[in-house]
PDB file of all heavy atoms in Angstrom:
ATOM      1  N   LEU A   1     -20.024 -36.805 105.424  1.00  0.00           N
ATOM      2  CA  LEU A   1     -20.890 -38.018 105.796  1.00  0.00           C
ATOM      3  C   LEU A   1     -19.926 -39.182 106.025  1.00  0.00           C
ATOM      4  O   LEU A   1     -18.842 -39.331 105.418  1.00  0.00           O
ATOM      5  CB  LEU A   1     -21.762 -38.339 104.556  1.00  0.00           C
ATOM      6  CG  LEU A   1     -22.901 -37.368 104.417  1.00  0.00           C
ATOM      7  CD1 LEU A   1     -23.679 -37.625 103.128  1.00  0.00           C
ATOM      8  CD2 LEU A   1     -23.852 -37.376 105.583  1.00  0.00           C
ATOM      9  N   PRO A   2     -20.320 -40.069 106.883  1.00  0.00           N
ATOM     10  CA  PRO A   2     -19.445 -41.235 107.241  1.00  0.00           C
ATOM     11  C   PRO A   2     -19.143 -42.153 106.098  1.00  0.00           C
ATOM     12  O   PRO A   2     -19.975 -42.412 105.212  1.00  0.00           O
ATOM     13  CB  PRO A   2     -20.232 -41.911 108.349  1.00  0.00           C
ATOM     14  CG  PRO A   2     -21.636 -41.564 108.119  1.00  0.00           C
ATOM     15  CD  PRO A   2     -21.651 -40.194 107.522  1.00  0.00           C
ATOM     16  N   ASN A   3     -17.901 -42.719 106.123  1.00  0.00           N
ATOM     17  CA  ASN A   3     -17.469 -43.633 105.096  1.00  0.00           C
ATOM     18  C   ASN A   3     -17.350 -45.068 105.612  1.00  0.00           C
ATOM     19  O   ASN A   3     -16.911 -45.959 104.890  1.00  0.00           O
ATOM     20  CB  ASN A   3     -16.192 -43.170 104.499  1.00  0.00           C
ATOM     21  CG  ASN A   3     -16.245 -41.968 103.637  1.00  0.00           C
ATOM     22  OD1 ASN A   3     -17.300 -41.742 103.005  1.00  0.00           O
ATOM     23  ND2 ASN A   3     -15.240 -41.129 103.695  1.00  0.00           N
ATOM     24  N   ASN A   4     -17.685 -45.259 106.886  1.00  0.00           N
ATOM     25  CA  ASN A   4     -17.383 -46.587 107.519  1.00  0.00           C
ATOM     26  C   ASN A   4     -18.571 -47.514 107.430  1.00  0.00           C
ATOM     27  O   ASN A   4     -18.692 -48.357 108.282  1.00  0.00           O
ATOM     28  CB  ASN A   4     -16.910 -46.369 108.922  1.00  0.00           C
ATOM     29  CG  ASN A   4     -17.825 -45.550 109.727  1.00  0.00           C
ATOM     30  OD1 ASN A   4     -18.880 -45.110 109.203  1.00  0.00           O
ATOM     31  ND2 ASN A   4     -17.503 -45.419 111.011  1.00  0.00           N
ATOM     32  N   CYS A   5     -19.489 -47.360 106.481  1.00  0.00           N
ATOM     33  CA  CYS A   5     -20.630 -48.294 106.349  1.00  0.00           C
ATOM     34  C   CYS A   5     -20.227 -49.520 105.529  1.00  0.00           C
ATOM     35  O   CYS A   5     -19.503 -49.440 104.595  1.00  0.00           O
ATOM     36  CB  CYS A   5     -21.762 -47.654 105.686  1.00  0.00           C
ATOM     37  SG  CYS A   5     -22.480 -46.274 106.671  1.00  0.00           S
ATOM     38  N   ARG A   6     -20.779 -50.661 105.882  1.00  0.00           N
ATOM     39  CA  ARG A   6     -20.542 -51.824 105.077  1.00  0.00           C
ATOM     40  C   ARG A   6     -21.269 -51.702 103.739  1.00  0.00           C
ATOM     41  O   ARG A   6     -22.267 -50.961 103.686  1.00  0.00           O
ATOM     42  CB  ARG A   6     -21.087 -53.052 105.812  1.00  0.00           C
ATOM     43  CG  ARG A   6     -20.210 -53.344 107.047  1.00  0.00           C
ATOM     44  CD  ARG A   6     -20.726 -54.580 107.738  1.00  0.00           C
ATOM     45  NE  ARG A   6     -19.923 -54.789 108.916  1.00  0.00           N
ATOM     46  CZ  ARG A   6     -20.256 -55.654 109.873  1.00  0.00           C
ATOM     47  NH1 ARG A   6     -21.281 -56.393 109.710  1.00  0.00           N
ATOM     48  NH2 ARG A   6     -19.438 -55.804 110.893  1.00  0.00           N
ATOM     49  N   PRO A   7     -20.868 -52.418 102.691  1.00  0.00           N
ATOM     50  CA  PRO A   7     -21.425 -52.220 101.396  1.00  0.00           C
ATOM     51  C   PRO A   7     -22.895 -52.849 101.283  1.00  0.00           C
ATOM     52  O   PRO A   7     -23.368 -52.900 100.134  1.00  0.00           O
ATOM     53  CB  PRO A   7     -20.491 -52.927 100.421  1.00  0.00           C
ATOM     54  CG  PRO A   7     -19.536 -53.608 101.215  1.00  0.00           C
ATOM     55  CD  PRO A   7     -19.657 -53.167 102.652  1.00  0.00           C
ATOM     56  N   VAL A   8     -23.490 -53.178 102.325  1.00  0.00           N
ATOM     57  CA  VAL A   8     -24.865 -53.615 102.299  1.00  0.00           C
ATOM     58  C   VAL A   8     -25.639 -53.034 103.468  1.00  0.00           C
ATOM     59  O   VAL A   8     -25.057 -52.621 104.443  1.00  0.00           O
ATOM     60  CB  VAL A   8     -25.014 -55.131 102.373  1.00  0.00           C
ATOM     61  CG1 VAL A   8     -24.435 -55.796 101.113  1.00  0.00           C
ATOM     62  CG2 VAL A   8     -24.296 -55.713 103.636  1.00  0.00           C
ATOM     63  N   GLY A   9     -26.938 -52.911 103.291  1.00  0.00           N
ATOM     64  CA  GLY A   9     -27.731 -52.445 104.388  1.00  0.00           C
ATOM     65  C   GLY A   9     -28.179 -51.002 104.346  1.00  0.00           C
ATOM     66  O   GLY A   9     -27.862 -50.292 103.327  1.00  0.00           O
ATOM     67  N   ASP A  10     -28.918 -50.613 105.339  1.00  0.00           N
ATOM     68  CA  ASP A  10     -29.534 -49.277 105.325  1.00  0.00           C
ATOM     69  C   ASP A  10     -28.482 -48.179 105.434  1.00  0.00           C
ATOM     70  O   ASP A  10     -28.669 -47.117 104.801  1.00  0.00           O
ATOM     71  CB  ASP A  10     -30.520 -49.169 106.505  1.00  0.00           C
ATOM     72  CG  ASP A  10     -31.761 -50.022 106.329  1.00  0.00           C
ATOM     73  OD1 ASP A  10     -32.020 -50.355 105.133  1.00  0.00           O
ATOM     74  OD2 ASP A  10     -32.419 -50.353 107.292  1.00  0.00           O
ATOM     75  N   CYS A  11     -27.461 -48.371 106.230  1.00  0.00           N
ATOM     76  CA  CYS A  11     -26.463 -47.298 106.368  1.00  0.00           C
ATOM     77  C   CYS A  11     -25.856 -47.012 105.043  1.00  0.00           C
ATOM     78  O   CYS A  11     -25.717 -45.860 104.653  1.00  0.00           O
ATOM     79  CB  CYS A  11     -25.418 -47.740 107.405  1.00  0.00           C
ATOM     80  SG  CYS A  11     -24.032 -46.593 107.572  1.00  0.00           S
ATOM     81  N   TYR A  12     -25.436 -48.037 104.345  1.00  0.00           N
ATOM     82  CA  TYR A  12     -24.724 -47.863 103.035  1.00  0.00           C
ATOM     83  C   TYR A  12     -25.657 -47.177 101.980  1.00  0.00           C
ATOM     84  O   TYR A  12     -25.298 -46.176 101.388  1.00  0.00           O
ATOM     85  CB  TYR A  12     -24.273 -49.172 102.478  1.00  0.00           C
ATOM     86  CG  TYR A  12     -23.579 -49.069 101.166  1.00  0.00           C
ATOM     87  CD1 TYR A  12     -22.311 -48.602 101.076  1.00  0.00           C
ATOM     88  CD2 TYR A  12     -24.271 -49.467  99.993  1.00  0.00           C
ATOM     89  CE1 TYR A  12     -21.676 -48.530  99.915  1.00  0.00           C
ATOM     90  CE2 TYR A  12     -23.640 -49.368  98.773  1.00  0.00           C
ATOM     91  CZ  TYR A  12     -22.276 -48.885  98.708  1.00  0.00           C
ATOM     92  OH  TYR A  12     -21.670 -48.741  97.475  1.00  0.00           O
ATOM     93  N   ASP A  13     -26.877 -47.595 101.992  1.00  0.00           N
ATOM     94  CA  ASP A  13     -27.859 -47.051 101.009  1.00  0.00           C
ATOM     95  C   ASP A  13     -28.143 -45.547 101.335  1.00  0.00           C
ATOM     96  O   ASP A  13     -28.134 -44.744 100.448  1.00  0.00           O
ATOM     97  CB  ASP A  13     -29.192 -47.823 101.051  1.00  0.00           C
ATOM     98  CG  ASP A  13     -29.060 -49.203 100.573  1.00  0.00           C
ATOM     99  OD1 ASP A  13     -28.131 -49.471  99.783  1.00  0.00           O
ATOM    100  OD2 ASP A  13     -29.904 -50.069 100.863  1.00  0.00           O
ATOM    101  N   THR A  14     -28.355 -45.263 102.629  1.00  0.00           N
ATOM    102  CA  THR A  14     -28.643 -43.893 103.035  1.00  0.00           C
ATOM    103  C   THR A  14     -27.446 -42.964 102.747  1.00  0.00           C
ATOM    104  O   THR A  14     -27.638 -41.896 102.202  1.00  0.00           O
ATOM    105  CB  THR A  14     -29.048 -43.861 104.505  1.00  0.00           C
ATOM    106  OG1 THR A  14     -30.153 -44.749 104.708  1.00  0.00           O
ATOM    107  CG2 THR A  14     -29.434 -42.439 104.908  1.00  0.00           C
ATOM    108  N   VAL A  15     -26.292 -43.357 103.137  1.00  0.00           N
ATOM    109  CA  VAL A  15     -25.151 -42.498 103.037  1.00  0.00           C
ATOM    110  C   VAL A  15     -24.745 -42.333 101.548  1.00  0.00           C
ATOM    111  O   VAL A  15     -24.507 -41.232 101.080  1.00  0.00           O
ATOM    112  CB  VAL A  15     -23.950 -43.085 103.830  1.00  0.00           C
ATOM    113  CG1 VAL A  15     -22.660 -42.378 103.460  1.00  0.00           C
ATOM    114  CG2 VAL A  15     -24.232 -43.026 105.292  1.00  0.00           C
ATOM    115  N   THR A  16     -24.871 -43.429 100.740  1.00  0.00           N
ATOM    116  CA  THR A  16     -24.528 -43.269  99.343  1.00  0.00           C
ATOM    117  C   THR A  16     -25.475 -42.433  98.587  1.00  0.00           C
ATOM    118  O   THR A  16     -25.049 -41.552  97.840  1.00  0.00           O
ATOM    119  CB  THR A  16     -24.520 -44.688  98.650  1.00  0.00           C
ATOM    120  OG1 THR A  16     -23.648 -45.550  99.362  1.00  0.00           O
ATOM    121  CG2 THR A  16     -24.109 -44.645  97.253  1.00  0.00           C
ATOM    122  N   LEU A  17     -26.788 -42.578  98.910  1.00  0.00           N
ATOM    123  CA  LEU A  17     -27.730 -41.680  98.246  1.00  0.00           C
ATOM    124  C   LEU A  17     -27.691 -40.264  98.677  1.00  0.00           C
ATOM    125  O   LEU A  17     -27.809 -39.321  97.928  1.00  0.00           O
ATOM    126  CB  LEU A  17     -29.127 -42.217  98.450  1.00  0.00           C
ATOM    127  CG  LEU A  17     -29.472 -43.527  97.761  1.00  0.00           C
ATOM    128  CD1 LEU A  17     -30.844 -44.037  98.185  1.00  0.00           C
ATOM    129  CD2 LEU A  17     -29.420 -43.358  96.279  1.00  0.00           C
ATOM    130  N   SER A  18     -27.340 -40.094 100.016  1.00  0.00           N
ATOM    131  CA  SER A  18     -27.166 -38.724 100.514  1.00  0.00           C
ATOM    132  C   SER A  18     -25.946 -38.004  99.883  1.00  0.00           C
ATOM    133  O   SER A  18     -26.068 -36.826  99.513  1.00  0.00           O
ATOM    134  CB  SER A  18     -27.024 -38.723 102.045  1.00  0.00           C
ATOM    135  OG  SER A  18     -28.193 -39.193 102.602  1.00  0.00           O
ATOM    136  N   LYS A  19     -24.885 -38.689  99.773  1.00  0.00           N
ATOM    137  CA  LYS A  19     -23.674 -38.166  99.125  1.00  0.00           C
ATOM    138  C   LYS A  19     -23.935 -37.817  97.684  1.00  0.00           C
ATOM    139  O   LYS A  19     -23.575 -36.719  97.247  1.00  0.00           O
ATOM    140  CB  LYS A  19     -22.514 -39.185  99.216  1.00  0.00           C
ATOM    141  CG  LYS A  19     -21.761 -39.058 100.527  1.00  0.00           C
ATOM    142  CD  LYS A  19     -20.555 -39.922 100.441  1.00  0.00           C
ATOM    143  CE  LYS A  19     -19.782 -39.772 101.749  1.00  0.00           C
ATOM    144  NZ  LYS A  19     -18.497 -40.374 101.698  1.00  0.00           N
ATOM    145  N   ARG A  20     -24.589 -38.726  96.990  1.00  0.00           N
ATOM    146  CA  ARG A  20     -24.863 -38.508  95.559  1.00  0.00           C
ATOM    147  C   ARG A  20     -25.772 -37.291  95.407  1.00  0.00           C
ATOM    148  O   ARG A  20     -25.582 -36.450  94.531  1.00  0.00           O
ATOM    149  CB  ARG A  20     -25.442 -39.745  94.953  1.00  0.00           C
ATOM    150  CG  ARG A  20     -25.548 -39.651  93.423  1.00  0.00           C
ATOM    151  CD  ARG A  20     -25.984 -41.009  92.815  1.00  0.00           C
ATOM    152  NE  ARG A  20     -25.035 -42.019  93.140  1.00  0.00           N
ATOM    153  CZ  ARG A  20     -25.324 -43.295  93.360  1.00  0.00           C
ATOM    154  NH1 ARG A  20     -26.616 -43.656  93.289  1.00  0.00           N
ATOM    155  NH2 ARG A  20     -24.438 -44.182  93.624  1.00  0.00           N
ATOM    156  N   SER A  21     -26.815 -37.206  96.233  1.00  0.00           N
ATOM    157  CA  SER A  21     -27.783 -36.098  96.193  1.00  0.00           C
ATOM    158  C   SER A  21     -27.072 -34.779  96.521  1.00  0.00           C
ATOM    159  O   SER A  21     -27.287 -33.791  95.740  1.00  0.00           O
ATOM    160  CB  SER A  21     -28.906 -36.379  97.192  1.00  0.00           C
ATOM    161  OG  SER A  21     -29.738 -35.243  97.204  1.00  0.00           O
ATOM    162  N   LEU A  22     -26.284 -34.764  97.520  1.00  0.00           N
ATOM    163  CA  LEU A  22     -25.551 -33.531  97.889  1.00  0.00           C
ATOM    164  C   LEU A  22     -24.571 -33.090  96.791  1.00  0.00           C
ATOM    165  O   LEU A  22     -24.381 -31.926  96.468  1.00  0.00           O
ATOM    166  CB  LEU A  22     -24.844 -33.650  99.196  1.00  0.00           C
ATOM    167  CG  LEU A  22     -25.704 -33.483 100.410  1.00  0.00           C
ATOM    168  CD1 LEU A  22     -24.905 -33.846 101.662  1.00  0.00           C
ATOM    169  CD2 LEU A  22     -26.298 -32.069 100.555  1.00  0.00           C
ATOM    170  N   LEU A  23     -23.941 -34.108  96.145  1.00  0.00           N
ATOM    171  CA  LEU A  23     -22.998 -33.794  95.036  1.00  0.00           C
ATOM    172  C   LEU A  23     -23.731 -33.191  93.880  1.00  0.00           C
ATOM    173  O   LEU A  23     -23.332 -32.176  93.288  1.00  0.00           O
ATOM    174  CB  LEU A  23     -22.282 -35.076  94.667  1.00  0.00           C
ATOM    175  CG  LEU A  23     -21.170 -34.918  93.574  1.00  0.00           C
ATOM    176  CD1 LEU A  23     -20.080 -33.981  94.056  1.00  0.00           C
ATOM    177  CD2 LEU A  23     -20.684 -36.260  93.145  1.00  0.00           C
ATOM    178  N   TRP A  24     -24.901 -33.783  93.494  1.00  0.00           N
ATOM    179  CA  TRP A  24     -25.688 -33.220  92.377  1.00  0.00           C
ATOM    180  C   TRP A  24     -26.200 -31.826  92.723  1.00  0.00           C
ATOM    181  O   TRP A  24     -26.150 -30.949  91.839  1.00  0.00           O
ATOM    182  CB  TRP A  24     -26.857 -34.160  92.052  1.00  0.00           C
ATOM    183  CG  TRP A  24     -26.499 -35.331  91.213  1.00  0.00           C
ATOM    184  CD1 TRP A  24     -26.219 -36.569  91.599  1.00  0.00           C
ATOM    185  CD2 TRP A  24     -26.313 -35.351  89.797  1.00  0.00           C
ATOM    186  NE1 TRP A  24     -25.908 -37.367  90.541  1.00  0.00           N
ATOM    187  CE2 TRP A  24     -25.972 -36.613  89.429  1.00  0.00           C
ATOM    188  CE3 TRP A  24     -26.439 -34.340  88.821  1.00  0.00           C
ATOM    189  CZ2 TRP A  24     -25.668 -36.953  88.133  1.00  0.00           C
ATOM    190  CZ3 TRP A  24     -26.197 -34.693  87.511  1.00  0.00           C
ATOM    191  CH2 TRP A  24     -25.880 -35.996  87.187  1.00  0.00           C
ATOM    192  N   HIS A  25     -26.582 -31.653  93.900  1.00  0.00           N
ATOM    193  CA  HIS A  25     -27.126 -30.350  94.284  1.00  0.00           C
ATOM    194  C   HIS A  25     -26.008 -29.264  94.301  1.00  0.00           C
ATOM    195  O   HIS A  25     -26.262 -28.162  93.915  1.00  0.00           O
ATOM    196  CB  HIS A  25     -27.883 -30.396  95.647  1.00  0.00           C
ATOM    197  CG  HIS A  25     -29.184 -30.918  95.608  1.00  0.00           C
ATOM    198  ND1 HIS A  25     -29.464 -32.241  95.867  1.00  0.00           N
ATOM    199  CD2 HIS A  25     -30.366 -30.366  95.364  1.00  0.00           C
ATOM    200  CE1 HIS A  25     -30.739 -32.469  95.702  1.00  0.00           C
ATOM    201  NE2 HIS A  25     -31.366 -31.298  95.461  1.00  0.00           N
ATOM    202  N   SER A  26     -24.835 -29.656  94.743  1.00  0.00           N
ATOM    203  CA  SER A  26     -23.735 -28.702  94.762  1.00  0.00           C
ATOM    204  C   SER A  26     -23.341 -28.333  93.324  1.00  0.00           C
ATOM    205  O   SER A  26     -23.039 -27.165  93.010  1.00  0.00           O
ATOM    206  CB  SER A  26     -22.557 -29.244  95.566  1.00  0.00           C
ATOM    207  OG  SER A  26     -21.953 -30.306  94.923  1.00  0.00           O
ATOM    208  N   GLN A  27     -23.303 -29.378  92.462  1.00  0.00           N
ATOM    209  CA  GLN A  27     -22.976 -29.058  91.061  1.00  0.00           C
ATOM    210  C   GLN A  27     -24.031 -28.187  90.367  1.00  0.00           C
ATOM    211  O   GLN A  27     -23.684 -27.216  89.673  1.00  0.00           O
ATOM    212  CB  GLN A  27     -22.781 -30.377  90.282  1.00  0.00           C
ATOM    213  CG  GLN A  27     -21.544 -31.127  90.706  1.00  0.00           C
ATOM    214  CD  GLN A  27     -21.465 -32.475  90.050  1.00  0.00           C
ATOM    215  OE1 GLN A  27     -22.437 -32.934  89.452  1.00  0.00           O
ATOM    216  NE2 GLN A  27     -20.286 -33.061  90.182  1.00  0.00           N
ATOM    217  N   ALA A  28     -25.297 -28.447  90.589  1.00  0.00           N
ATOM    218  CA  ALA A  28     -26.385 -27.649  90.054  1.00  0.00           C
ATOM    219  C   ALA A  28     -26.302 -26.194  90.579  1.00  0.00           C
ATOM    220  O   ALA A  28     -26.514 -25.240  89.876  1.00  0.00           O
ATOM    221  CB  ALA A  28     -27.725 -28.306  90.319  1.00  0.00           C
ATOM    222  N   ALA A  29     -26.068 -26.104  91.931  1.00  0.00           N
ATOM    223  CA  ALA A  29     -25.954 -24.818  92.546  1.00  0.00           C
ATOM    224  C   ALA A  29     -24.748 -24.021  91.955  1.00  0.00           C
ATOM    225  O   ALA A  29     -24.926 -22.813  91.686  1.00  0.00           O
ATOM    226  CB  ALA A  29     -25.861 -24.921  94.050  1.00  0.00           C
ATOM    227  N   ALA A  30     -23.665 -24.698  91.722  1.00  0.00           N
ATOM    228  CA  ALA A  30     -22.497 -24.026  91.125  1.00  0.00           C
ATOM    229  C   ALA A  30     -22.787 -23.529  89.686  1.00  0.00           C
ATOM    230  O   ALA A  30     -22.505 -22.387  89.336  1.00  0.00           O
ATOM    231  CB  ALA A  30     -21.326 -24.944  91.074  1.00  0.00           C
ATOM    232  N   VAL A  31     -23.523 -24.366  88.887  1.00  0.00           N
ATOM    233  CA  VAL A  31     -23.778 -23.947  87.522  1.00  0.00           C
ATOM    234  C   VAL A  31     -24.804 -22.758  87.529  1.00  0.00           C
ATOM    235  O   VAL A  31     -24.756 -21.907  86.660  1.00  0.00           O
ATOM    236  CB  VAL A  31     -24.440 -25.161  86.759  1.00  0.00           C
ATOM    237  CG1 VAL A  31     -25.072 -24.761  85.449  1.00  0.00           C
ATOM    238  CG2 VAL A  31     -23.312 -26.169  86.494  1.00  0.00           C
ATOM    239  N   LEU A  32     -25.778 -22.792  88.452  1.00  0.00           N
ATOM    240  CA  LEU A  32     -26.756 -21.767  88.470  1.00  0.00           C
ATOM    241  C   LEU A  32     -26.389 -20.498  89.215  1.00  0.00           C
ATOM    242  O   LEU A  32     -26.844 -19.419  88.871  1.00  0.00           O
ATOM    243  CB  LEU A  32     -28.082 -22.343  89.092  1.00  0.00           C
ATOM    244  CG  LEU A  32     -28.777 -23.395  88.299  1.00  0.00           C
ATOM    245  CD1 LEU A  32     -29.933 -23.980  89.090  1.00  0.00           C
ATOM    246  CD2 LEU A  32     -29.250 -22.933  86.969  1.00  0.00           C
ATOM    247  N   LEU A  33     -25.528 -20.551  90.223  1.00  0.00           N
ATOM    248  CA  LEU A  33     -25.266 -19.473  91.046  1.00  0.00           C
ATOM    249  C   LEU A  33     -23.985 -18.730  90.754  1.00  0.00           C
ATOM    250  O   LEU A  33     -23.841 -17.603  90.928  1.00  0.00           O
ATOM    251  CB  LEU A  33     -25.232 -19.876  92.504  1.00  0.00           C
ATOM    252  CG  LEU A  33     -26.575 -20.333  93.108  1.00  0.00           C
ATOM    253  CD1 LEU A  33     -26.384 -20.793  94.558  1.00  0.00           C
ATOM    254  CD2 LEU A  33     -27.573 -19.273  93.032  1.00  0.00           C
ATOM    255  N   TRP A  34     -22.957 -19.474  90.229  1.00  0.00           N
ATOM    256  CA  TRP A  34     -21.673 -18.799  90.049  1.00  0.00           C
ATOM    257  C   TRP A  34     -21.637 -17.789  88.922  1.00  0.00           C
ATOM    258  O   TRP A  34     -20.987 -16.745  89.029  1.00  0.00           O
ATOM    259  CB  TRP A  34     -20.564 -19.838  89.901  1.00  0.00           C
ATOM    260  CG  TRP A  34     -20.151 -20.426  91.173  1.00  0.00           C
ATOM    261  CD1 TRP A  34     -20.463 -19.998  92.413  1.00  0.00           C
ATOM    262  CD2 TRP A  34     -19.324 -21.583  91.407  1.00  0.00           C
ATOM    263  NE1 TRP A  34     -19.917 -20.831  93.400  1.00  0.00           N
ATOM    264  CE2 TRP A  34     -19.191 -21.757  92.779  1.00  0.00           C
ATOM    265  CE3 TRP A  34     -18.707 -22.452  90.556  1.00  0.00           C
ATOM    266  CZ2 TRP A  34     -18.430 -22.820  93.305  1.00  0.00           C
ATOM    267  CZ3 TRP A  34     -17.879 -23.481  91.064  1.00  0.00           C
ATOM    268  CH2 TRP A  34     -17.773 -23.650  92.479  1.00  0.00           C
ATOM    269  N   PRO A  35     -22.354 -18.012  87.830  1.00  0.00           N
ATOM    270  CA  PRO A  35     -22.270 -16.961  86.746  1.00  0.00           C
ATOM    271  C   PRO A  35     -22.947 -15.634  87.241  1.00  0.00           C
ATOM    272  O   PRO A  35     -22.220 -14.592  87.037  1.00  0.00           O
ATOM    273  CB  PRO A  35     -23.145 -17.565  85.651  1.00  0.00           C
ATOM    274  CG  PRO A  35     -22.961 -19.031  85.756  1.00  0.00           C
ATOM    275  CD  PRO A  35     -22.912 -19.276  87.253  1.00  0.00           C
ATOM    276  N   PRO A  36     -24.125 -15.567  87.919  1.00  0.00           N
ATOM    277  CA  PRO A  36     -24.589 -14.302  88.387  1.00  0.00           C
ATOM    278  C   PRO A  36     -23.665 -13.689  89.493  1.00  0.00           C
ATOM    279  O   PRO A  36     -23.471 -12.489  89.583  1.00  0.00           O
ATOM    280  CB  PRO A  36     -25.935 -14.548  88.985  1.00  0.00           C
ATOM    281  CG  PRO A  36     -26.219 -15.896  88.819  1.00  0.00           C
ATOM    282  CD  PRO A  36     -25.153 -16.601  88.087  1.00  0.00           C
ATOM    283  N   CYS A  37     -23.040 -14.557  90.256  1.00  0.00           N
ATOM    284  CA  CYS A  37     -22.119 -14.103  91.332  1.00  0.00           C
ATOM    285  C   CYS A  37     -20.899 -13.425  90.656  1.00  0.00           C
ATOM    286  O   CYS A  37     -20.492 -12.325  91.043  1.00  0.00           O
ATOM    287  CB  CYS A  37     -21.637 -15.225  92.241  1.00  0.00           C
ATOM    288  SG  CYS A  37     -22.900 -15.833  93.366  1.00  0.00           S
ATOM    289  N   ALA A  38     -20.322 -14.087  89.653  1.00  0.00           N
ATOM    290  CA  ALA A  38     -19.193 -13.507  88.913  1.00  0.00           C
ATOM    291  C   ALA A  38     -19.580 -12.196  88.274  1.00  0.00           C
ATOM    292  O   ALA A  38     -18.774 -11.211  88.358  1.00  0.00           O
ATOM    293  CB  ALA A  38     -18.672 -14.480  87.884  1.00  0.00           C
ATOM    294  N   TRP A  39     -20.758 -12.111  87.705  1.00  0.00           N
ATOM    295  CA  TRP A  39     -21.181 -10.873  87.107  1.00  0.00           C
ATOM    296  C   TRP A  39     -21.374  -9.751  88.103  1.00  0.00           C
ATOM    297  O   TRP A  39     -20.842  -8.671  87.848  1.00  0.00           O
ATOM    298  CB  TRP A  39     -22.560 -11.147  86.379  1.00  0.00           C
ATOM    299  CG  TRP A  39     -23.069  -9.923  85.696  1.00  0.00           C
ATOM    300  CD1 TRP A  39     -23.991  -9.046  86.140  1.00  0.00           C
ATOM    301  CD2 TRP A  39     -22.760  -9.504  84.386  1.00  0.00           C
ATOM    302  NE1 TRP A  39     -24.218  -8.030  85.274  1.00  0.00           N
ATOM    303  CE2 TRP A  39     -23.433  -8.266  84.138  1.00  0.00           C
ATOM    304  CE3 TRP A  39     -21.899  -9.980  83.434  1.00  0.00           C
ATOM    305  CZ2 TRP A  39     -23.353  -7.650  82.994  1.00  0.00           C
ATOM    306  CZ3 TRP A  39     -21.770  -9.306  82.268  1.00  0.00           C
ATOM    307  CH2 TRP A  39     -22.507  -8.111  82.025  1.00  0.00           C
ATOM    308  N   HIS A  40     -21.988 -10.016  89.217  1.00  0.00           N
ATOM    309  CA  HIS A  40     -22.167  -8.967  90.204  1.00  0.00           C
ATOM    310  C   HIS A  40     -20.913  -8.603  91.013  1.00  0.00           C
ATOM    311  O   HIS A  40     -20.847  -7.541  91.604  1.00  0.00           O
ATOM    312  CB  HIS A  40     -23.308  -9.348  91.175  1.00  0.00           C
ATOM    313  CG  HIS A  40     -24.660  -9.352  90.547  1.00  0.00           C
ATOM    314  ND1 HIS A  40     -25.267  -8.104  90.316  1.00  0.00           N
ATOM    315  CD2 HIS A  40     -25.456 -10.269  90.072  1.00  0.00           C
ATOM    316  CE1 HIS A  40     -26.471  -8.392  89.776  1.00  0.00           C
ATOM    317  NE2 HIS A  40     -26.514  -9.673  89.582  1.00  0.00           N
ATOM    318  N   LEU A  41     -19.922  -9.509  91.022  1.00  0.00           N
ATOM    319  CA  LEU A  41     -18.709  -9.202  91.783  1.00  0.00           C
ATOM    320  C   LEU A  41     -17.602  -8.570  90.903  1.00  0.00           C
ATOM    321  O   LEU A  41     -16.488  -8.501  91.371  1.00  0.00           O
ATOM    322  CB  LEU A  41     -18.204 -10.527  92.429  1.00  0.00           C
ATOM    323  CG  LEU A  41     -19.038 -11.040  93.565  1.00  0.00           C
ATOM    324  CD1 LEU A  41     -18.505 -12.391  94.076  1.00  0.00           C
ATOM    325  CD2 LEU A  41     -19.110 -10.066  94.697  1.00  0.00           C
ATOM    326  N   GLY A  42     -17.932  -8.181  89.724  1.00  0.00           N
ATOM    327  CA  GLY A  42     -16.946  -7.469  88.927  1.00  0.00           C
ATOM    328  C   GLY A  42     -16.837  -7.778  87.447  1.00  0.00           C
ATOM    329  O   GLY A  42     -16.335  -7.008  86.700  1.00  0.00           O
ATOM    330  N   LEU A  43     -17.279  -8.949  87.064  1.00  0.00           N
ATOM    331  CA  LEU A  43     -17.161  -9.300  85.660  1.00  0.00           C
ATOM    332  C   LEU A  43     -17.982  -8.394  84.786  1.00  0.00           C
ATOM    333  O   LEU A  43     -17.598  -8.017  83.664  1.00  0.00           O
ATOM    334  CB  LEU A  43     -17.556 -10.798  85.459  1.00  0.00           C
ATOM    335  CG  LEU A  43     -17.378 -11.400  84.090  1.00  0.00           C
ATOM    336  CD1 LEU A  43     -15.864 -11.395  83.758  1.00  0.00           C
ATOM    337  CD2 LEU A  43     -17.935 -12.774  83.998  1.00  0.00           C
ATOM    338  N   GLY A  44     -19.167  -8.035  85.210  1.00  0.00           N
ATOM    339  CA  GLY A  44     -20.040  -7.157  84.427  1.00  0.00           C
ATOM    340  C   GLY A  44     -19.427  -5.788  84.208  1.00  0.00           C
ATOM    341  O   GLY A  44     -19.476  -5.225  83.155  1.00  0.00           O
ATOM    342  N   PHE A  45     -18.749  -5.307  85.246  1.00  0.00           N
ATOM    343  CA  PHE A  45     -18.055  -3.986  85.199  1.00  0.00           C
ATOM    344  C   PHE A  45     -16.941  -4.084  84.124  1.00  0.00           C
ATOM    345  O   PHE A  45     -16.772  -3.172  83.255  1.00  0.00           O
ATOM    346  CB  PHE A  45     -17.493  -3.590  86.516  1.00  0.00           C
ATOM    347  CG  PHE A  45     -16.735  -2.354  86.483  1.00  0.00           C
ATOM    348  CD1 PHE A  45     -17.217  -1.106  86.341  1.00  0.00           C
ATOM    349  CD2 PHE A  45     -15.315  -2.439  86.582  1.00  0.00           C
ATOM    350  CE1 PHE A  45     -16.544   0.032  86.320  1.00  0.00           C
ATOM    351  CE2 PHE A  45     -14.546  -1.318  86.516  1.00  0.00           C
ATOM    352  CZ  PHE A  45     -15.114  -0.087  86.404  1.00  0.00           C
ATOM    353  N   VAL A  46     -16.182  -5.124  84.171  1.00  0.00           N
ATOM    354  CA  VAL A  46     -15.009  -5.347  83.224  1.00  0.00           C
ATOM    355  C   VAL A  46     -15.554  -5.455  81.803  1.00  0.00           C
ATOM    356  O   VAL A  46     -14.949  -4.806  80.923  1.00  0.00           O
ATOM    357  CB  VAL A  46     -14.228  -6.557  83.684  1.00  0.00           C
ATOM    358  CG1 VAL A  46     -13.196  -6.902  82.622  1.00  0.00           C
ATOM    359  CG2 VAL A  46     -13.556  -6.367  85.001  1.00  0.00           C
ATOM    360  N   ILE A  47     -16.595  -6.219  81.570  1.00  0.00           N
ATOM    361  CA  ILE A  47     -17.085  -6.456  80.242  1.00  0.00           C
ATOM    362  C   ILE A  47     -17.677  -5.135  79.693  1.00  0.00           C
ATOM    363  O   ILE A  47     -17.401  -4.760  78.560  1.00  0.00           O
ATOM    364  CB  ILE A  47     -18.134  -7.526  80.224  1.00  0.00           C
ATOM    365  CG1 ILE A  47     -17.496  -8.889  80.433  1.00  0.00           C
ATOM    366  CG2 ILE A  47     -18.932  -7.535  78.910  1.00  0.00           C
ATOM    367  CD1 ILE A  47     -18.382 -10.074  80.492  1.00  0.00           C
TER     368      ILE A  47
END
């Protein structure tokens, strides 16, 4: 996402909220998806 928005206005608000939302979603997806992925890609077999 672009970083060249001024610190006021619609561009800044939209980009900041979009970045924050994507960051939260990526962290939540990592917490929810990586354990089953690790299990199915070999961790279950090793354990």
